Amino acid sequence: MEMKLLLLLGLLSGIAGRKFAKSVLPKEAFLLQDSKEQLKDANGTKEFVKVPGKGYCWGANNDEDTSRRIIHVSCDGARALCQRDCNCVAYACLPTKPGAVLYTDSNCELGCRNIAWLLNPDLITKAGFNELNNWFADGDCYKLACSAGHKVGGNAINTCTPVACPQNSAGEDVPSGCTCYAGYSGTITASFSNRGYTGECTAVACPKHSTGANVQSGCYCNEGYSGTIIASSYYPFYSGSCTCTNTSSALLAACSAGYAVGGNSTCTPVACPRNSAGENVPSGCTCYEGYSGTITASFSDRGYTGECTAVACPKHSTGANVQSGCYCTEGYSGTIIAISNHPFYSGSCTLTNASSASNAD
């Protein structure tokens, strides 16, 4: 017993060079040092992860100024004690000899007013020691790491609680399993990450020939297509499709410029459009006399572009248009005749007497 107390005093003297009064060690610390039976009885609901570095558990400010107590046990003993202590969030120990620190407010001996680490174990970022007093230089720090799919509860009684299923998924919680909603793709896997899981559920885009924000919000078949898209939990995360309802539209894509799909589902030449003459659009169409414009074969639905537009009656004449007939106004004489070349008429209306000239313009 005296030897154990001496080792304890050595450990205490190495904590950041601080001096403190000797305290009585709990009886269970000695019992757990080498007792496998006692270790088996320890509550193993907590898991711990080793932090980088060697020495005591440290925060960002290179110190361990938090609630803690010293125990003379092996690393296994320290782990078991921390597991059994509801308030213990970390422990530091020597891998080759007895000597450990429990970071808890249970039977606290040092820094008892500071429980920041107990409220947030993530404040423990590394292990370190004081170069002037390096008795614990070989130590390792282990902080609370919940099982996959769990997170530390936000209070001094640090327990691991299951993480709720994330957005766009359903299930009891992450450890029990989460499934993406119908219309969403992805996998939620329990992990030791800060949020307790990896993966996400992403909305699936509307399939071909349909429009909408996504499958879950609703997809509607485009014009010329019919069908129903229903969100599903299985790949490709929707069922149904949009099929073409206008077979001529599908065939039209295979027709040459100037052709359309005929009643017997074959490509037939498009007739020359209104106000034009010719065998058909592929052969060429010319606007009637008195009309301007050009008809060009194309792959559009109607098989051509352009149109023939009636030319207005020229200056000093009246009438609907050149093709319908134009007549010179009073005081003017002449003849307007529709032709096929620019300006699509010939002739003009000229003054007939000097008196009209005085009133012109």
Protein backbone atom coordinates (compact mmCIF):
# COMPACT_ATOMS: atom_id res chain seq x y z
CA MET A 1 0.00 0.00 0.00
CA GLU A 2 2.80 2.42 0.81
CA MET A 3 4.34 1.79 -2.64
CA LYS A 4 1.05 2.53 -4.33
CA LEU A 5 0.71 5.78 -2.41
CA LEU A 6 4.22 6.79 -3.43
CA LEU A 7 3.36 6.19 -7.09
CA LEU A 8 0.22 8.20 -6.64
CA LEU A 9 2.13 11.11 -5.18
CA GLY A 10 4.50 10.96 -8.15
CA LEU A 11 1.57 11.13 -10.53
CA LEU A 12 0.00 14.03 -8.64
CA SER A 13 3.21 16.02 -8.71
CA GLY A 14 3.31 15.74 -12.49
CA ILE A 15 -0.03 17.35 -13.25
CA ALA A 16 0.84 20.72 -14.82
CA GLY A 17 3.26 21.40 -11.94
CA ARG A 18 0.38 22.06 -9.54
CA LYS A 19 0.47 21.30 -5.79
CA PHE A 20 -2.51 19.90 -4.02
CA ALA A 21 -3.31 18.07 -0.80
CA LYS A 22 -3.12 14.28 -0.65
CA SER A 23 -6.52 12.60 -0.82
CA VAL A 24 -7.69 9.16 0.11
CA LEU A 25 -7.96 6.79 -2.89
CA PRO A 26 -11.25 5.00 -3.38
CA LYS A 27 -11.11 1.34 -2.46
CA GLU A 28 -12.42 0.26 -5.88
CA ALA A 29 -9.36 1.82 -7.57
CA PHE A 30 -7.11 -0.83 -6.04
CA LEU A 31 -9.60 -3.63 -6.57
CA LEU A 32 -9.84 -2.87 -10.31
CA GLN A 33 -6.13 -2.63 -10.93
CA ASP A 34 -5.67 -6.28 -11.89
CA SER A 35 -9.03 -7.91 -11.29
CA LYS A 36 -10.47 -9.34 -14.54
CA GLU A 37 -13.69 -10.28 -12.78
CA GLN A 38 -14.27 -6.69 -11.73
CA LEU A 39 -13.54 -5.48 -15.28
CA LYS A 40 -16.15 -7.85 -16.66
CA ASP A 41 -18.74 -6.28 -14.38
CA ALA A 42 -18.02 -2.77 -15.68
CA ASN A 43 -20.83 -1.18 -17.65
CA GLY A 44 -19.58 -1.04 -21.22
CA THR A 45 -22.21 1.31 -22.65
CA LYS A 46 -19.59 3.99 -23.31
CA GLU A 47 -16.89 3.88 -25.94
CA PHE A 48 -13.72 5.95 -26.01
CA VAL A 49 -11.43 7.19 -28.73
CA LYS A 50 -7.74 7.97 -28.37
CA VAL A 51 -6.85 11.59 -29.10
CA PRO A 52 -3.56 12.69 -30.77
CA GLY A 53 -0.47 13.29 -28.67
CA LYS A 54 1.03 11.90 -25.46
CA GLY A 55 0.36 12.91 -21.86
CA TYR A 56 -2.72 14.13 -20.02
CA CYS A 57 -5.93 15.11 -21.77
CA TRP A 58 -5.64 18.68 -22.95
CA GLY A 59 -7.87 21.31 -24.50
CA ALA A 60 -7.06 23.99 -27.05
CA ASN A 61 -5.24 26.05 -24.41
CA ASN A 62 -2.79 23.24 -23.59
CA ASP A 63 -4.17 22.50 -20.15
CA GLU A 64 -6.39 20.10 -18.24
CA ASP A 65 -7.94 22.66 -15.96
CA THR A 66 -11.18 20.77 -15.49
CA SER A 67 -12.92 18.57 -12.96
CA ARG A 68 -10.89 15.37 -12.39
CA ARG A 69 -9.52 12.87 -9.92
CA ILE A 70 -6.36 10.76 -9.69
CA ILE A 71 -6.43 6.96 -9.44
CA HIS A 72 -3.71 4.34 -9.19
CA VAL A 73 -4.93 1.84 -11.78
CA SER A 74 -3.97 0.44 -15.16
CA CYS A 75 -5.43 1.70 -18.43
CA ASP A 76 -7.99 -1.11 -18.38
CA GLY A 77 -8.97 -0.17 -14.84
CA ALA A 78 -9.30 3.50 -15.75
CA ARG A 79 -11.46 2.65 -18.73
CA ALA A 80 -13.73 0.43 -16.65
CA LEU A 81 -14.13 3.06 -13.95
CA CYS A 82 -14.93 5.76 -16.50
CA GLN A 83 -17.50 3.49 -18.12
CA ARG A 84 -19.21 2.95 -14.78
CA ASP A 85 -19.19 6.66 -13.89
CA CYS A 86 -22.10 8.48 -15.55
CA ASN A 87 -20.23 11.79 -15.37
CA CYS A 88 -16.87 10.58 -16.68
CA VAL A 89 -16.11 11.87 -20.18
CA ALA A 90 -12.43 10.94 -20.55
CA TYR A 91 -9.44 9.33 -18.91
CA ALA A 92 -5.67 9.49 -19.25
CA CYS A 93 -3.42 6.61 -18.29
CA LEU A 94 0.12 5.25 -18.44
CA PRO A 95 0.37 2.23 -20.77
CA THR A 96 3.24 0.53 -18.89
CA LYS A 97 2.48 1.20 -15.23
CA PRO A 98 -0.42 2.12 -12.93
CA GLY A 99 -1.40 5.75 -12.92
CA ALA A 100 -4.45 7.45 -14.38
CA VAL A 101 -6.69 10.51 -14.31
CA LEU A 102 -10.48 10.38 -14.60
CA TYR A 103 -12.13 13.51 -15.99
CA THR A 104 -15.32 13.59 -13.92
CA ASP A 105 -16.91 15.45 -11.03
CA SER A 106 -17.54 12.23 -9.13
CA ASN A 107 -15.22 12.19 -6.07
CA CYS A 108 -13.54 15.22 -7.63
CA GLU A 109 -10.06 16.21 -6.41
CA LEU A 110 -8.91 18.95 -8.81
CA GLY A 111 -10.54 21.72 -10.84
CA CYS A 112 -13.89 20.73 -9.45
CA ARG A 113 -15.61 23.99 -10.34
CA ASN A 114 -14.85 23.63 -14.03
CA ILE A 115 -17.20 21.17 -15.74
CA ALA A 116 -16.86 22.48 -19.29
CA TRP A 117 -15.46 19.16 -20.52
CA LEU A 118 -18.30 17.30 -18.86
CA LEU A 119 -20.78 19.38 -20.83
CA ASN A 120 -18.86 19.11 -24.09
CA PRO A 121 -16.24 16.36 -24.43
CA ASP A 122 -15.29 17.75 -27.84
CA LEU A 123 -13.33 20.44 -25.96
CA ILE A 124 -10.75 17.71 -25.41
CA THR A 125 -8.61 18.01 -28.52
CA LYS A 126 -5.25 16.38 -27.76
CA ALA A 127 -2.87 14.94 -25.18
CA GLY A 128 0.07 16.83 -23.71
CA PHE A 129 2.33 17.31 -20.69
CA ASN A 130 4.46 19.94 -18.95
CA GLU A 131 8.08 19.74 -20.17
CA LEU A 132 9.29 20.79 -16.74
CA ASN A 133 7.56 17.85 -15.13
CA ASN A 134 7.32 15.01 -17.62
CA TRP A 135 6.42 12.07 -15.37
CA PHE A 136 3.26 11.54 -17.48
CA ALA A 137 5.01 12.06 -20.82
CA ASP A 138 4.18 8.51 -21.91
CA GLY A 139 0.48 8.83 -21.09
CA ASP A 140 -2.46 8.45 -23.48
CA CYS A 141 -5.76 10.32 -23.45
CA TYR A 142 -9.08 8.69 -24.33
CA LYS A 143 -12.26 10.77 -24.60
CA LEU A 144 -15.87 9.69 -24.80
CA ALA A 145 -16.82 8.46 -28.24
CA CYS A 146 -20.34 7.21 -28.51
CA SER A 147 -21.16 4.09 -30.45
CA ALA A 148 -21.88 4.54 -34.14
CA GLY A 149 -25.14 6.41 -34.62
CA HIS A 150 -25.06 7.97 -31.14
CA LYS A 151 -24.11 11.39 -29.76
CA VAL A 152 -23.30 12.66 -26.30
CA GLY A 153 -26.31 14.17 -24.56
CA GLY A 154 -26.12 17.90 -23.83
CA ASN A 155 -25.96 17.80 -20.01
CA ALA A 156 -23.56 16.99 -17.20
CA ILE A 157 -24.79 13.41 -17.00
CA ASN A 158 -23.05 12.40 -20.20
CA THR A 159 -24.80 9.55 -21.86
CA CYS A 160 -24.86 8.46 -25.47
CA THR A 161 -28.22 8.95 -27.12
CA PRO A 162 -29.33 7.63 -30.53
CA VAL A 163 -29.27 10.17 -33.34
CA ALA A 164 -32.64 10.81 -34.97
CA CYS A 165 -33.06 9.87 -38.63
CA PRO A 166 -31.98 12.83 -40.77
CA GLN A 167 -34.01 14.93 -43.17
CA ASN A 168 -35.91 13.10 -45.92
CA SER A 169 -35.63 9.71 -44.18
CA ALA A 170 -37.78 7.62 -41.89
CA GLY A 171 -37.03 5.22 -39.05
CA GLU A 172 -36.84 5.00 -35.27
CA ASP A 173 -33.28 6.38 -35.18
CA VAL A 174 -29.92 6.01 -36.94
CA PRO A 175 -28.71 2.93 -35.00
CA SER A 176 -32.02 1.17 -35.70
CA GLY A 177 -31.85 2.09 -39.37
CA CYS A 178 -33.13 4.94 -41.53
CA THR A 179 -34.66 4.59 -45.00
CA CYS A 180 -34.91 7.41 -47.51
CA TYR A 181 -38.43 8.57 -48.31
CA ALA A 182 -39.99 7.38 -51.55
CA GLY A 183 -38.59 9.49 -54.38
CA TYR A 184 -35.26 10.04 -52.62
CA SER A 185 -32.00 8.21 -53.24
CA GLY A 186 -29.17 7.60 -50.80
CA THR A 187 -28.12 5.59 -47.78
CA ILE A 188 -27.88 6.56 -44.11
CA THR A 189 -25.12 4.67 -42.30
CA ALA A 190 -24.35 4.91 -38.58
CA SER A 191 -20.85 6.25 -37.94
CA PHE A 192 -18.57 7.73 -35.27
CA SER A 193 -18.64 11.15 -36.96
CA ASN A 194 -19.80 14.27 -35.11
CA ARG A 195 -23.31 13.94 -36.48
CA GLY A 196 -23.44 10.18 -35.88
CA TYR A 197 -24.02 9.08 -39.48
CA THR A 198 -22.80 9.35 -43.04
CA GLY A 199 -24.78 9.77 -46.24
CA GLU A 200 -27.93 11.69 -47.10
CA CYS A 201 -31.21 11.34 -48.95
CA THR A 202 -31.35 13.33 -52.18
CA ALA A 203 -34.48 14.10 -54.19
CA VAL A 204 -34.54 12.25 -57.53
CA ALA A 205 -35.03 14.38 -60.65
CA CYS A 206 -38.08 13.88 -62.85
CA PRO A 207 -37.43 11.28 -65.58
CA LYS A 208 -37.30 11.79 -69.34
CA HIS A 209 -40.30 13.42 -71.03
CA SER A 210 -41.65 14.81 -67.75
CA THR A 211 -41.36 18.06 -65.81
CA GLY A 212 -41.47 18.97 -62.12
CA ALA A 213 -39.20 19.93 -59.21
CA ASN A 214 -38.45 16.27 -58.41
CA VAL A 215 -40.14 12.87 -58.17
CA GLN A 216 -41.29 13.36 -54.59
CA SER A 217 -42.89 16.74 -55.36
CA GLY A 218 -44.55 15.37 -58.48
CA CYS A 219 -43.67 14.89 -62.16
CA TYR A 220 -46.04 15.51 -65.06
CA CYS A 221 -45.69 14.17 -68.58
CA ASN A 222 -44.80 16.72 -71.26
CA GLU A 223 -47.18 17.66 -74.04
CA GLY A 224 -47.50 14.80 -76.51
CA TYR A 225 -46.70 12.21 -73.82
CA SER A 226 -48.89 10.41 -71.34
CA GLY A 227 -48.30 8.29 -68.24
CA THR A 228 -47.88 8.51 -64.49
CA ILE A 229 -44.72 8.91 -62.39
CA ILE A 230 -45.01 7.57 -58.83
CA ALA A 231 -42.34 7.96 -56.13
CA SER A 232 -40.81 4.67 -54.97
CA SER A 233 -38.37 3.54 -52.27
CA TYR A 234 -36.51 1.29 -54.67
CA TYR A 235 -34.16 2.11 -57.53
CA PRO A 236 -34.64 4.14 -59.69
CA PHE A 237 -36.86 5.54 -56.88
CA TYR A 238 -39.88 6.02 -59.11
CA SER A 239 -42.21 3.83 -61.13
CA GLY A 240 -44.00 4.54 -64.38
CA SER A 241 -42.96 6.50 -67.47
CA CYS A 242 -44.16 9.02 -70.03
CA THR A 243 -44.77 7.55 -73.48
CA CYS A 244 -45.39 9.33 -76.74
CA THR A 245 -49.08 9.71 -77.57
CA ASN A 246 -48.51 11.29 -81.01
CA THR A 247 -46.79 8.68 -83.15
CA SER A 248 -46.47 11.18 -85.97
CA SER A 249 -44.17 13.30 -83.78
CA ALA A 250 -41.87 10.35 -83.39
CA LEU A 251 -41.90 9.55 -87.10
CA LEU A 252 -41.43 13.19 -88.02
CA ALA A 253 -37.94 13.11 -86.59
CA ALA A 254 -37.00 10.61 -89.34
CA CYS A 255 -38.52 12.60 -92.22
CA SER A 256 -36.48 14.84 -94.54
CA ALA A 257 -36.89 18.62 -94.62
CA GLY A 258 -40.14 19.60 -96.28
CA TYR A 259 -41.87 16.32 -95.43
CA ALA A 260 -44.53 15.41 -92.86
CA VAL A 261 -45.99 12.12 -91.66
CA GLY A 262 -48.92 11.08 -93.81
CA GLY A 263 -52.06 9.17 -92.87
CA ASN A 264 -50.33 5.86 -93.65
CA SER A 265 -47.47 6.72 -91.27
CA THR A 266 -45.02 7.48 -94.08
CA CYS A 267 -43.11 10.65 -94.86
CA THR A 268 -44.91 12.63 -97.57
CA PRO A 269 -43.97 15.98 -99.15
CA VAL A 270 -45.74 19.03 -97.73
CA ALA A 271 -47.92 20.96 -100.16
CA CYS A 272 -47.01 24.55 -100.96
CA PRO A 273 -48.62 26.80 -98.35
CA ARG A 274 -51.24 29.49 -98.86
CA ASN A 275 -50.52 32.26 -101.37
CA SER A 276 -47.76 30.25 -103.06
CA ALA A 277 -47.50 27.94 -106.04
CA GLY A 278 -45.42 24.85 -106.81
CA GLU A 279 -45.56 21.07 -106.80
CA ASN A 280 -44.69 20.83 -103.10
CA VAL A 281 -42.29 22.31 -100.52
CA PRO A 282 -39.33 19.98 -101.26
CA SER A 283 -39.65 20.81 -105.00
CA GLY A 284 -39.95 24.54 -104.30
CA CYS A 285 -42.76 27.02 -103.76
CA THR A 286 -43.00 30.55 -105.19
CA CYS A 287 -45.19 33.29 -103.79
CA TYR A 288 -48.08 34.42 -105.99
CA GLU A 289 -47.75 37.65 -107.94
CA GLY A 290 -48.34 40.58 -105.60
CA TYR A 291 -47.03 38.64 -102.57
CA SER A 292 -43.61 38.90 -100.94
CA GLY A 293 -41.73 36.22 -98.97
CA THR A 294 -39.84 32.96 -99.26
CA ILE A 295 -40.85 29.37 -98.53
CA THR A 296 -37.97 27.17 -97.33
CA ALA A 297 -38.13 23.43 -96.55
CA SER A 298 -37.33 22.60 -92.89
CA PHE A 299 -37.54 19.87 -90.24
CA SER A 300 -40.23 21.75 -88.30
CA ASP A 301 -43.65 20.26 -87.61
CA ARG A 302 -45.18 21.95 -90.67
CA GLY A 303 -42.19 21.10 -92.88
CA TYR A 304 -41.24 24.64 -93.93
CA THR A 305 -40.42 28.14 -92.72
CA GLY A 306 -41.51 31.51 -94.12
CA GLU A 307 -44.75 32.74 -95.65
CA CYS A 308 -46.15 34.79 -98.54
CA THR A 309 -47.56 38.17 -97.51
CA ALA A 310 -49.76 40.42 -99.66
CA VAL A 311 -48.00 43.63 -100.77
CA ALA A 312 -49.79 46.89 -99.95
CA CYS A 313 -50.90 49.23 -102.72
CA PRO A 314 -48.21 51.77 -103.65
CA LYS A 315 -48.31 55.56 -103.21
CA HIS A 316 -51.23 57.49 -104.72
CA SER A 317 -53.33 54.35 -105.04
CA THR A 318 -56.01 52.63 -103.00
CA GLY A 319 -57.08 49.02 -102.55
CA ALA A 320 -56.78 46.04 -100.18
CA ASN A 321 -53.43 45.00 -101.67
CA VAL A 322 -51.66 44.63 -105.00
CA GLN A 323 -53.00 41.15 -105.69
CA SER A 324 -56.62 42.24 -105.05
CA GLY A 325 -56.17 45.35 -107.17
CA CYS A 326 -54.98 48.91 -106.68
CA TYR A 327 -56.61 52.04 -108.18
CA CYS A 328 -55.04 55.45 -108.61
CA THR A 329 -56.53 58.15 -106.41
CA GLU A 330 -58.29 61.26 -107.77
CA GLY A 331 -55.91 63.48 -109.71
CA TYR A 332 -53.61 60.58 -110.55
CA SER A 333 -53.65 58.12 -113.37
CA GLY A 334 -51.84 54.88 -114.13
CA THR A 335 -52.02 51.13 -113.69
CA ILE A 336 -50.73 48.86 -110.92
CA ILE A 337 -50.08 45.22 -111.94
CA ALA A 338 -49.07 42.38 -109.60
CA ILE A 339 -45.80 40.60 -110.50
CA SER A 340 -43.56 37.94 -108.89
CA ASN A 341 -40.41 40.05 -108.55
CA HIS A 342 -39.56 42.85 -106.13
CA PRO A 343 -41.34 45.15 -105.45
CA PHE A 344 -44.01 42.63 -106.51
CA TYR A 345 -45.90 45.12 -108.67
CA SER A 346 -45.25 47.20 -111.82
CA GLY A 347 -46.59 50.58 -112.82
CA SER A 348 -47.40 53.71 -110.86
CA CYS A 349 -49.92 56.51 -110.41
CA THR A 350 -48.90 59.95 -111.84
CA LEU A 351 -50.48 63.43 -111.73
CA THR A 352 -53.06 64.18 -114.44
CA ASN A 353 -53.20 68.08 -114.26
CA ALA A 354 -51.37 71.06 -112.87
CA SER A 355 -54.08 71.85 -110.30
CA SER A 356 -53.53 68.49 -108.72
CA ALA A 357 -49.85 69.26 -108.58
CA SER A 358 -50.49 72.32 -106.41
CA ASN A 359 -52.31 70.10 -103.92
CA ALA A 360 -49.83 67.23 -104.02
CA ASP A 361 -47.92 66.47 -100.90
